[in-house]
Protein backbone atom coordinates (compact mmCIF):
# COMPACT_ATOMS: atom_id res chain seq x y z
CA MET A 1 54.06 49.46 68.19
CA ALA A 2 57.62 50.68 67.58
CA MET A 3 57.01 50.99 63.81
CA ALA A 4 53.56 52.64 63.94
CA GLY A 5 54.25 54.84 66.94
CA ARG A 6 50.90 54.03 68.47
CA ARG A 7 48.99 51.06 69.84
CA LEU A 8 47.21 48.75 67.47
CA PRO A 9 43.38 49.03 67.32
CA ARG A 10 41.43 46.39 69.25
CA LYS A 11 39.05 45.60 66.39
CA PRO A 12 40.09 45.32 62.71
CA LYS A 13 38.68 47.89 60.43
CA LYS A 14 35.52 46.96 58.48
CA ARG A 15 35.50 46.50 54.73
CA PRO A 16 33.37 48.88 52.68
CA ARG A 17 29.86 47.49 51.96
CA ILE A 18 30.44 47.27 48.19
CA ILE A 19 33.48 45.13 48.60
CA GLN A 20 31.86 42.90 51.12
CA LYS A 21 28.84 42.36 48.83
CA GLN A 22 31.16 41.35 46.00
CA LEU A 23 32.96 38.83 48.26
CA ASP A 24 29.63 37.37 49.47
CA GLU A 25 28.45 36.92 45.83
CA ILE A 26 31.68 35.17 44.86
CA LYS A 27 31.42 32.75 47.80
CA ALA A 28 27.73 31.99 47.08
CA ASP A 29 28.48 31.25 43.35
CA LEU A 30 31.28 28.82 44.20
CA TYR A 31 29.01 26.57 46.22
CA LYS A 32 26.16 26.43 43.70
CA VAL A 33 25.61 23.01 42.29
CA PRO A 34 23.70 22.74 39.01
CA ASP A 35 20.60 20.56 39.19
CA GLU A 36 21.48 18.85 35.83
CA ALA A 37 24.59 17.16 37.38
CA ASP A 38 22.36 14.85 39.51
CA THR A 39 20.30 13.42 36.58
CA GLY A 40 21.51 10.28 34.87
CA LYS A 41 23.55 8.92 37.76
CA TRP A 42 21.19 6.06 38.62
């Protein structure tokens, strides 16, 4: 509070929608598992 001169907000500020969509796409792509990886194991 001493540095800013005012109290901190109770809720963090939201990200813009465009940035949030990009982050969601990146997270979804990381967890995709190709179907071809399962074939040939057994």
